[in-house]
Amino acid sequence: MDNDDSFIEEVDHELPEQDLQVSAAQPREDDYRIGSHIRDNIANEMWQHYKQLILCNKFYFEFFLLYLALTLITIFRWIAVKMLLQFHQAI
């Protein structure tokens, strides 16, 4: 019987420690859930800003390409006119 009493005492001693470990795990799970929610919201905000920035940069890039194309067309026209004048003078 003495063995049973010591076993019961050991179990009685360990039970409150297990209750503390279980209750200590709950705030961790809550913290993890809250932290995950905050992290997901931050990631979503960053993604929205990134998409907006890409669209804005895409607009400016397309505007730059259009400006570059018009500038090159103007230069080529100027060169073509100059070559035609030189050719016309040579005749």
PDB file of N, CA and C in Angstrom:
ATOM      1  N   MET A   1       0.806  -1.200   0.000  1.00  0.00           N
ATOM      2  CA  MET A   1       0.000   0.000   0.000  1.00  0.00           C
ATOM      3  C   MET A   1       0.841   1.251   0.000  1.00  0.00           C
ATOM      4  N   ASP A   2       1.986   1.111   0.536  1.00  0.00           N
ATOM      5  CA  ASP A   2       2.868   2.263   0.599  1.00  0.00           C
ATOM      6  C   ASP A   2       3.272   2.695  -0.812  1.00  0.00           C
ATOM      7  N   ASN A   3       3.441   1.732  -1.710  1.00  0.00           N
ATOM      8  CA  ASN A   3       3.772   2.054  -3.103  1.00  0.00           C
ATOM      9  C   ASN A   3       2.635   2.823  -3.776  1.00  0.00           C
ATOM     10  N   ASP A   4       1.406   2.434  -3.496  1.00  0.00           N
ATOM     11  CA  ASP A   4       0.257   3.116  -4.075  1.00  0.00           C
ATOM     12  C   ASP A   4       0.149   4.553  -3.562  1.00  0.00           C
ATOM     13  N   ASP A   5       0.422   4.741  -2.294  1.00  0.00           N
ATOM     14  CA  ASP A   5       0.356   6.082  -1.717  1.00  0.00           C
ATOM     15  C   ASP A   5       1.407   7.001  -2.336  1.00  0.00           C
ATOM     16  N   SER A   6       2.575   6.476  -2.531  1.00  0.00           N
ATOM     17  CA  SER A   6       3.626   7.316  -3.118  1.00  0.00           C
ATOM     18  C   SER A   6       3.305   7.636  -4.584  1.00  0.00           C
ATOM     19  N   PHE A   7       2.706   6.659  -5.266  1.00  0.00           N
ATOM     20  CA  PHE A   7       2.292   6.899  -6.656  1.00  0.00           C
ATOM     21  C   PHE A   7       1.203   7.958  -6.723  1.00  0.00           C
ATOM     22  N   ILE A   8       0.228   7.878  -5.818  1.00  0.00           N
ATOM     23  CA  ILE A   8      -0.856   8.865  -5.772  1.00  0.00           C
ATOM     24  C   ILE A   8      -0.285  10.240  -5.456  1.00  0.00           C
ATOM     25  N   GLU A   9       0.643  10.328  -4.531  1.00  0.00           N
ATOM     26  CA  GLU A   9       1.269  11.608  -4.198  1.00  0.00           C
ATOM     27  C   GLU A   9       2.010  12.174  -5.412  1.00  0.00           C
ATOM     28  N   GLU A  10       2.697  11.298  -6.131  1.00  0.00           N
ATOM     29  CA  GLU A  10       3.437  11.759  -7.322  1.00  0.00           C
ATOM     30  C   GLU A  10       2.475  12.286  -8.383  1.00  0.00           C
ATOM     31  N   VAL A  11       1.383  11.575  -8.590  1.00  0.00           N
ATOM     32  CA  VAL A  11       0.382  12.005  -9.562  1.00  0.00           C
ATOM     33  C   VAL A  11      -0.253  13.308  -9.104  1.00  0.00           C
ATOM     34  N   ASP A  12      -0.585  13.392  -7.816  1.00  0.00           N
ATOM     35  CA  ASP A  12      -1.172  14.629  -7.290  1.00  0.00           C
ATOM     36  C   ASP A  12      -0.205  15.804  -7.459  1.00  0.00           C
ATOM     37  N   HIS A  13       1.042  15.541  -7.353  1.00  0.00           N
ATOM     38  CA  HIS A  13       2.044  16.606  -7.498  1.00  0.00           C
ATOM     39  C   HIS A  13       2.188  17.034  -8.970  1.00  0.00           C
ATOM     40  N   GLU A  14       2.106  16.079  -9.892  1.00  0.00           N
ATOM     41  CA  GLU A  14       2.284  16.381 -11.311  1.00  0.00           C
ATOM     42  C   GLU A  14       1.048  16.998 -11.961  1.00  0.00           C
ATOM     43  N   LEU A  15      -0.125  16.699 -11.465  1.00  0.00           N
ATOM     44  CA  LEU A  15      -1.352  17.217 -12.078  1.00  0.00           C
ATOM     45  C   LEU A  15      -1.401  18.745 -12.114  1.00  0.00           C
ATOM     46  N   PRO A  16      -1.114  19.454 -11.029  1.00  0.00           N
ATOM     47  CA  PRO A  16      -1.143  20.923 -11.121  1.00  0.00           C
ATOM     48  C   PRO A  16      -0.124  21.465 -12.119  1.00  0.00           C
ATOM     49  N   GLU A  17       1.026  20.812 -12.247  1.00  0.00           N
ATOM     50  CA  GLU A  17       2.031  21.249 -13.221  1.00  0.00           C
ATOM     51  C   GLU A  17       1.507  21.082 -14.640  1.00  0.00           C
ATOM     52  N   GLN A  18       0.799  19.980 -14.912  1.00  0.00           N
ATOM     53  CA  GLN A  18       0.230  19.766 -16.238  1.00  0.00           C
ATOM     54  C   GLN A  18      -0.863  20.778 -16.531  1.00  0.00           C
ATOM     55  N   ASP A  19      -1.658  21.118 -15.520  1.00  0.00           N
ATOM     56  CA  ASP A  19      -2.688  22.137 -15.705  1.00  0.00           C
ATOM     57  C   ASP A  19      -2.056  23.467 -16.075  1.00  0.00           C
ATOM     58  N   LEU A  20      -0.936  23.788 -15.436  1.00  0.00           N
ATOM     59  CA  LEU A  20      -0.240  25.035 -15.774  1.00  0.00           C
ATOM     60  C   LEU A  20       0.303  24.993 -17.196  1.00  0.00           C
ATOM     61  N   GLN A  21       0.835  23.850 -17.592  1.00  0.00           N
ATOM     62  CA  GLN A  21       1.375  23.742 -18.943  1.00  0.00           C
ATOM     63  C   GLN A  21       0.264  23.863 -19.979  1.00  0.00           C
ATOM     64  N   VAL A  22      -0.873  23.259 -19.719  1.00  0.00           N
ATOM     65  CA  VAL A  22      -1.993  23.343 -20.654  1.00  0.00           C
ATOM     66  C   VAL A  22      -2.506  24.771 -20.722  1.00  0.00           C
ATOM     67  N   SER A  23      -2.677  25.410 -19.553  1.00  0.00           N
ATOM     68  CA  SER A  23      -3.187  26.777 -19.555  1.00  0.00           C
ATOM     69  C   SER A  23      -2.149  27.746 -20.122  1.00  0.00           C
ATOM     70  N   ALA A  24      -0.872  27.449 -19.978  1.00  0.00           N
ATOM     71  CA  ALA A  24       0.167  28.299 -20.562  1.00  0.00           C
ATOM     72  C   ALA A  24       0.183  28.145 -22.080  1.00  0.00           C
ATOM     73  N   ALA A  25      -0.226  27.004 -22.594  1.00  0.00           N
ATOM     74  CA  ALA A  25      -0.252  26.794 -24.040  1.00  0.00           C
ATOM     75  C   ALA A  25      -1.383  27.579 -24.686  1.00  0.00           C
ATOM     76  N   GLN A  26      -2.480  27.777 -23.977  1.00  0.00           N
ATOM     77  CA  GLN A  26      -3.623  28.494 -24.549  1.00  0.00           C
ATOM     78  C   GLN A  26      -3.273  29.928 -24.950  1.00  0.00           C
ATOM     79  N   PRO A  27      -2.622  30.703 -24.071  1.00  0.00           N
ATOM     80  CA  PRO A  27      -2.248  32.058 -24.519  1.00  0.00           C
ATOM     81  C   PRO A  27      -1.309  32.041 -25.715  1.00  0.00           C
ATOM     82  N   ARG A  28      -0.438  31.047 -25.789  1.00  0.00           N
ATOM     83  CA  ARG A  28       0.454  30.949 -26.948  1.00  0.00           C
ATOM     84  C   ARG A  28      -0.346  30.753 -28.225  1.00  0.00           C
ATOM     85  N   GLU A  29      -1.363  29.880 -28.148  1.00  0.00           N
ATOM     86  CA  GLU A  29      -2.207  29.655 -29.322  1.00  0.00           C
ATOM     87  C   GLU A  29      -2.978  30.923 -29.679  1.00  0.00           C
ATOM     88  N   ASP A  30      -3.465  31.624 -28.650  1.00  0.00           N
ATOM     89  CA  ASP A  30      -4.169  32.887 -28.904  1.00  0.00           C
ATOM     90  C   ASP A  30      -3.220  33.923 -29.505  1.00  0.00           C
ATOM     91  N   ASP A  31      -2.003  34.004 -28.940  1.00  0.00           N
ATOM     92  CA  ASP A  31      -1.010  34.936 -29.472  1.00  0.00           C
ATOM     93  C   ASP A  31      -0.653  34.589 -30.910  1.00  0.00           C
ATOM     94  N   TYR A  32      -0.518  33.296 -31.176  1.00  0.00           N
ATOM     95  CA  TYR A  32      -0.199  32.863 -32.536  1.00  0.00           C
ATOM     96  C   TYR A  32      -1.326  33.239 -33.500  1.00  0.00           C
ATOM     97  N   ARG A  33      -2.575  33.017 -33.071  1.00  0.00           N
ATOM     98  CA  ARG A  33      -3.724  33.336 -33.920  1.00  0.00           C
ATOM     99  C   ARG A  33      -3.786  34.839 -34.184  1.00  0.00           C
ATOM    100  N   ILE A  34      -3.601  35.634 -33.135  1.00  0.00           N
ATOM    101  CA  ILE A  34      -3.627  37.098 -33.303  1.00  0.00           C
ATOM    102  C   ILE A  34      -2.458  37.547 -34.164  1.00  0.00           C
ATOM    103  N   GLY A  35      -1.277  36.988 -33.883  1.00  0.00           N
ATOM    104  CA  GLY A  35      -0.092  37.344 -34.674  1.00  0.00           C
ATOM    105  C   GLY A  35      -0.240  36.964 -36.130  1.00  0.00           C
ATOM    106  N   SER A  36      -0.831  35.808 -36.377  1.00  0.00           N
ATOM    107  CA  SER A  36      -1.059  35.379 -37.758  1.00  0.00           C
ATOM    108  C   SER A  36      -2.023  36.314 -38.465  1.00  0.00           C
ATOM    109  N   HIS A  37      -3.056  36.740 -37.748  1.00  0.00           N
ATOM    110  CA  HIS A  37      -4.034  37.669 -38.321  1.00  0.00           C
ATOM    111  C   HIS A  37      -3.365  39.001 -38.661  1.00  0.00           C
ATOM    112  N   ILE A  38      -2.553  39.515 -37.751  1.00  0.00           N
ATOM    113  CA  ILE A  38      -1.837  40.778 -38.001  1.00  0.00           C
ATOM    114  C   ILE A  38      -0.880  40.612 -39.178  1.00  0.00           C
ATOM    115  N   ARG A  39      -0.128  39.505 -39.181  1.00  0.00           N
ATOM    116  CA  ARG A  39       0.812  39.249 -40.273  1.00  0.00           C
ATOM    117  C   ARG A  39       0.099  39.189 -41.619  1.00  0.00           C
ATOM    118  N   ASP A  40      -1.035  38.476 -41.662  1.00  0.00           N
ATOM    119  CA  ASP A  40      -1.785  38.352 -42.914  1.00  0.00           C
ATOM    120  C   ASP A  40      -2.320  39.702 -43.381  1.00  0.00           C
ATOM    121  N   ASN A  41      -2.783  40.524 -42.439  1.00  0.00           N
ATOM    122  CA  ASN A  41      -3.265  41.861 -42.801  1.00  0.00           C
ATOM    123  C   ASN A  41      -2.138  42.728 -43.348  1.00  0.00           C
ATOM    124  N   ILE A  42      -0.970  42.655 -42.730  1.00  0.00           N
ATOM    125  CA  ILE A  42       0.181  43.434 -43.215  1.00  0.00           C
ATOM    126  C   ILE A  42       0.574  42.960 -44.609  1.00  0.00           C
ATOM    127  N   ALA A  43       0.633  41.651 -44.796  1.00  0.00           N
ATOM    128  CA  ALA A  43       0.998  41.110 -46.108  1.00  0.00           C
ATOM    129  C   ALA A  43      -0.010  41.532 -47.170  1.00  0.00           C
ATOM    130  N   ASN A  44      -1.296  41.530 -46.829  1.00  0.00           N
ATOM    131  CA  ASN A  44      -2.326  41.943 -47.770  1.00  0.00           C
ATOM    132  C   ASN A  44      -2.181  43.423 -48.122  1.00  0.00           C
ATOM    133  N   GLU A  45      -1.933  44.275 -47.125  1.00  0.00           N
ATOM    134  CA  GLU A  45      -1.735  45.707 -47.384  1.00  0.00           C
ATOM    135  C   GLU A  45      -0.519  45.934 -48.275  1.00  0.00           C
ATOM    136  N   MET A  46       0.566  45.213 -47.993  1.00  0.00           N
ATOM    137  CA  MET A  46       1.777  45.354 -48.813  1.00  0.00           C
ATOM    138  C   MET A  46       1.494  44.941 -50.257  1.00  0.00           C
ATOM    139  N   TRP A  47       0.731  43.862 -50.445  1.00  0.00           N
ATOM    140  CA  TRP A  47       0.403  43.379 -51.785  1.00  0.00           C
ATOM    141  C   TRP A  47      -0.448  44.403 -52.536  1.00  0.00           C
ATOM    142  N   GLN A  48      -1.422  45.010 -51.838  1.00  0.00           N
ATOM    143  CA  GLN A  48      -2.269  46.012 -52.480  1.00  0.00           C
ATOM    144  C   GLN A  48      -1.442  47.229 -52.911  1.00  0.00           C
ATOM    145  N   HIS A  49      -0.548  47.689 -52.035  1.00  0.00           N
ATOM    146  CA  HIS A  49       0.312  48.824 -52.387  1.00  0.00           C
ATOM    147  C   HIS A  49       1.245  48.467 -53.539  1.00  0.00           C
ATOM    148  N   TYR A  50       1.759  47.235 -53.524  1.00  0.00           N
ATOM    149  CA  TYR A  50       2.654  46.792 -54.596  1.00  0.00           C
ATOM    150  C   TYR A  50       1.920  46.791 -55.935  1.00  0.00           C
ATOM    151  N   LYS A  51       0.692  46.241 -55.966  1.00  0.00           N
ATOM    152  CA  LYS A  51      -0.067  46.219 -57.215  1.00  0.00           C
ATOM    153  C   LYS A  51      -0.351  47.633 -57.709  1.00  0.00           C
ATOM    154  N   GLN A  52      -0.676  48.529 -56.780  1.00  0.00           N
ATOM    155  CA  GLN A  52      -0.944  49.916 -57.158  1.00  0.00           C
ATOM    156  C   GLN A  52       0.320  50.569 -57.721  1.00  0.00           C
ATOM    157  N   LEU A  53       1.458  50.293 -57.100  1.00  0.00           N
ATOM    158  CA  LEU A  53       2.728  50.843 -57.571  1.00  0.00           C
ATOM    159  C   LEU A  53       3.072  50.308 -58.955  1.00  0.00           C
ATOM    160  N   ILE A  54       2.856  49.018 -59.176  1.00  0.00           N
ATOM    161  CA  ILE A  54       3.140  48.414 -60.487  1.00  0.00           C
ATOM    162  C   ILE A  54       2.267  49.057 -61.559  1.00  0.00           C
ATOM    163  N   LEU A  55       0.977  49.232 -61.278  1.00  0.00           N
ATOM    164  CA  LEU A  55       0.088  49.853 -62.266  1.00  0.00           C
ATOM    165  C   LEU A  55       0.530  51.279 -62.567  1.00  0.00           C
ATOM    166  N   CYS A  56       0.926  52.018 -61.542  1.00  0.00           N
ATOM    167  CA  CYS A  56       1.379  53.389 -61.725  1.00  0.00           C
ATOM    168  C   CYS A  56       2.667  53.403 -62.550  1.00  0.00           C
ATOM    169  N   ASN A  57       3.614  52.530 -62.191  1.00  0.00           N
ATOM    170  CA  ASN A  57       4.867  52.470 -62.938  1.00  0.00           C
ATOM    171  C   ASN A  57       4.644  52.002 -64.365  1.00  0.00           C
ATOM    172  N   LYS A  58       3.695  51.095 -64.558  1.00  0.00           N
ATOM    173  CA  LYS A  58       3.378  50.625 -65.905  1.00  0.00           C
ATOM    174  C   LYS A  58       2.876  51.785 -66.754  1.00  0.00           C
ATOM    175  N   PHE A  59       2.030  52.647 -66.186  1.00  0.00           N
ATOM    176  CA  PHE A  59       1.537  53.810 -66.900  1.00  0.00           C
ATOM    177  C   PHE A  59       2.698  54.714 -67.300  1.00  0.00           C
ATOM    178  N   TYR A  60       3.599  55.016 -66.348  1.00  0.00           N
ATOM    179  CA  TYR A  60       4.735  55.887 -66.650  1.00  0.00           C
ATOM    180  C   TYR A  60       5.677  55.240 -67.661  1.00  0.00           C
ATOM    181  N   PHE A  61       5.865  53.926 -67.560  1.00  0.00           N
ATOM    182  CA  PHE A  61       6.730  53.235 -68.504  1.00  0.00           C
ATOM    183  C   PHE A  61       6.137  53.282 -69.910  1.00  0.00           C
ATOM    184  N   GLU A  62       4.823  53.063 -70.032  1.00  0.00           N
ATOM    185  CA  GLU A  62       4.180  53.140 -71.344  1.00  0.00           C
ATOM    186  C   GLU A  62       4.239  54.564 -71.890  1.00  0.00           C
ATOM    187  N   PHE A  63       4.073  55.555 -71.029  1.00  0.00           N
ATOM    188  CA  PHE A  63       4.187  56.950 -71.455  1.00  0.00           C
ATOM    189  C   PHE A  63       5.601  57.230 -71.952  1.00  0.00           C
ATOM    190  N   PHE A  64       6.616  56.713 -71.216  1.00  0.00           N
ATOM    191  CA  PHE A  64       8.008  56.901 -71.623  1.00  0.00           C
ATOM    192  C   PHE A  64       8.267  56.247 -72.979  1.00  0.00           C
ATOM    193  N   LEU A  65       7.755  55.038 -73.190  1.00  0.00           N
ATOM    194  CA  LEU A  65       7.955  54.363 -74.471  1.00  0.00           C
ATOM    195  C   LEU A  65       7.293  55.139 -75.613  1.00  0.00           C
ATOM    196  N   LEU A  66       6.110  55.665 -75.369  1.00  0.00           N
ATOM    197  CA  LEU A  66       5.435  56.465 -76.386  1.00  0.00           C
ATOM    198  C   LEU A  66       6.247  57.717 -76.709  1.00  0.00           C
ATOM    199  N   TYR A  67       6.740  58.400 -75.687  1.00  0.00           N
ATOM    200  CA  TYR A  67       7.558  59.597 -75.878  1.00  0.00           C
ATOM    201  C   TYR A  67       8.839  59.254 -76.643  1.00  0.00           C
ATOM    202  N   LEU A  68       9.461  58.140 -76.285  1.00  0.00           N
ATOM    203  CA  LEU A  68      10.680  57.707 -76.963  1.00  0.00           C
ATOM    204  C   LEU A  68      10.394  57.400 -78.433  1.00  0.00           C
ATOM    205  N   ALA A  69       9.284  56.712 -78.692  1.00  0.00           N
ATOM    206  CA  ALA A  69       8.931  56.378 -80.071  1.00  0.00           C
ATOM    207  C   ALA A  69       8.681  57.646 -80.887  1.00  0.00           C
ATOM    208  N   LEU A  70       7.954  58.596 -80.315  1.00  0.00           N
ATOM    209  CA  LEU A  70       7.695  59.853 -81.035  1.00  0.00           C
ATOM    210  C   LEU A  70       8.982  60.634 -81.277  1.00  0.00           C
ATOM    211  N   THR A  71       9.878  60.624 -80.313  1.00  0.00           N
ATOM    212  CA  THR A  71      11.172  61.304 -80.481  1.00  0.00           C
ATOM    213  C   THR A  71      11.987  60.644 -81.586  1.00  0.00           C
ATOM    214  N   LEU A  72      12.025  59.314 -81.590  1.00  0.00           N
ATOM    215  CA  LEU A  72      12.772  58.610 -82.642  1.00  0.00           C
ATOM    216  C   LEU A  72      12.161  58.862 -84.017  1.00  0.00           C
ATOM    217  N   ILE A  73      10.833  58.882 -84.088  1.00  0.00           N
ATOM    218  CA  ILE A  73      10.173  59.169 -85.371  1.00  0.00           C
ATOM    219  C   ILE A  73      10.553  60.564 -85.852  1.00  0.00           C
ATOM    220  N   THR A  74      10.556  61.527 -84.948  1.00  0.00           N
ATOM    221  CA  THR A  74      10.927  62.903 -85.305  1.00  0.00           C
ATOM    222  C   THR A  74      12.375  62.961 -85.801  1.00  0.00           C
ATOM    223  N   ILE A  75      13.270  62.262 -85.116  1.00  0.00           N
ATOM    224  CA  ILE A  75      14.685  62.252 -85.535  1.00  0.00           C
ATOM    225  C   ILE A  75      14.835  61.604 -86.899  1.00  0.00           C
ATOM    226  N   PHE A  76      14.185  60.462 -87.112  1.00  0.00           N
ATOM    227  CA  PHE A  76      14.279  59.779 -88.402  1.00  0.00           C
ATOM    228  C   PHE A  76      13.681  60.622 -89.527  1.00  0.00           C
ATOM    229  N   ARG A  77      12.597  61.318 -89.247  1.00  0.00           N
ATOM    230  CA  ARG A  77      12.015  62.206 -90.267  1.00  0.00           C
ATOM    231  C   ARG A  77      12.989  63.332 -90.601  1.00  0.00           C
ATOM    232  N   TRP A  78      13.609  63.892 -89.578  1.00  0.00           N
ATOM    233  CA  TRP A  78      14.576  64.966 -89.800  1.00  0.00           C
ATOM    234  C   TRP A  78      15.753  64.467 -90.635  1.00  0.00           C
ATOM    235  N   ILE A  79      16.252  63.258 -90.341  1.00  0.00           N
ATOM    236  CA  ILE A  79      17.355  62.673 -91.112  1.00  0.00           C
ATOM    237  C   ILE A  79      16.906  62.411 -92.552  1.00  0.00           C
ATOM    238  N   ALA A  80      15.690  61.883 -92.724  1.00  0.00           N
ATOM    239  CA  ALA A  80      15.185  61.601 -94.070  1.00  0.00           C
ATOM    240  C   ALA A  80      15.046  62.881 -94.881  1.00  0.00           C
ATOM    241  N   VAL A  81      14.538  63.941 -94.277  1.00  0.00           N
ATOM    242  CA  VAL A  81      14.398  65.220 -94.987  1.00  0.00           C
ATOM    243  C   VAL A  81      15.768  65.750 -95.352  1.00  0.00           C
ATOM    244  N   LYS A  82      16.722  65.681 -94.436  1.00  0.00           N
ATOM    245  CA  LYS A  82      18.079  66.166 -94.702  1.00  0.00           C
ATOM    246  C   LYS A  82      18.712  65.372 -95.844  1.00  0.00           C
ATOM    247  N   MET A  83      18.512  64.039 -95.843  1.00  0.00           N
ATOM    248  CA  MET A  83      19.075  63.221 -96.920  1.00  0.00           C
ATOM    249  C   MET A  83      18.409  63.545 -98.252  1.00  0.00           C
ATOM    250  N   LEU A  84      17.097  63.781 -98.252  1.00  0.00           N
ATOM    251  CA  LEU A  84      16.402  64.140 -99.489  1.00  0.00           C
ATOM    252  C   LEU A  84      16.904  65.484-100.030  1.00  0.00           C
ATOM    253  N   LEU A  85      17.126  66.434 -99.150  1.00  0.00           N
ATOM    254  CA  LEU A  85      17.650  67.742 -99.587  1.00  0.00           C
ATOM    255  C   LEU A  85      19.049  67.601-100.177  1.00  0.00           C
ATOM    256  N   GLN A  86      19.892  66.799 -99.531  1.00  0.00           N
ATOM    257  CA  GLN A  86      21.239  66.584-100.054  1.00  0.00           C
ATOM    258  C   GLN A  86      21.182  65.884-101.405  1.00  0.00           C
ATOM    259  N   PHE A  87      20.302  64.884-101.530  1.00  0.00           N
ATOM    260  CA  PHE A  87      20.150  64.174-102.790  1.00  0.00           C
ATOM    261  C   PHE A  87      19.621  65.114-103.885  1.00  0.00           C
ATOM    262  N   HIS A  88      18.666  65.957-103.509  1.00  0.00           N
ATOM    263  CA  HIS A  88      18.092  66.897-104.452  1.00  0.00           C
ATOM    264  C   HIS A  88      19.130  67.929-104.923  1.00  0.00           C
ATOM    265  N   GLN A  89      20.005  68.349-104.038  1.00  0.00           N
ATOM    266  CA  GLN A  89      21.041  69.316-104.395  1.00  0.00           C
ATOM    267  C   GLN A  89      22.092  68.677-105.301  1.00  0.00           C
ATOM    268  N   ALA A  90      22.313  67.374-105.126  1.00  0.00           N
ATOM    269  CA  ALA A  90      23.318  66.676-105.925  1.00  0.00           C
ATOM    270  C   ALA A  90      22.853  66.509-107.362  1.00  0.00           C
ATOM    271  N   ILE A  91      21.582  66.509-107.602  1.00  0.00           N
ATOM    272  CA  ILE A  91      21.060  66.304-108.963  1.00  0.00           C
ATOM    273  C   ILE A  91      21.143  67.540-109.758  1.00  0.00           C
TER     274      ILE A  91
END
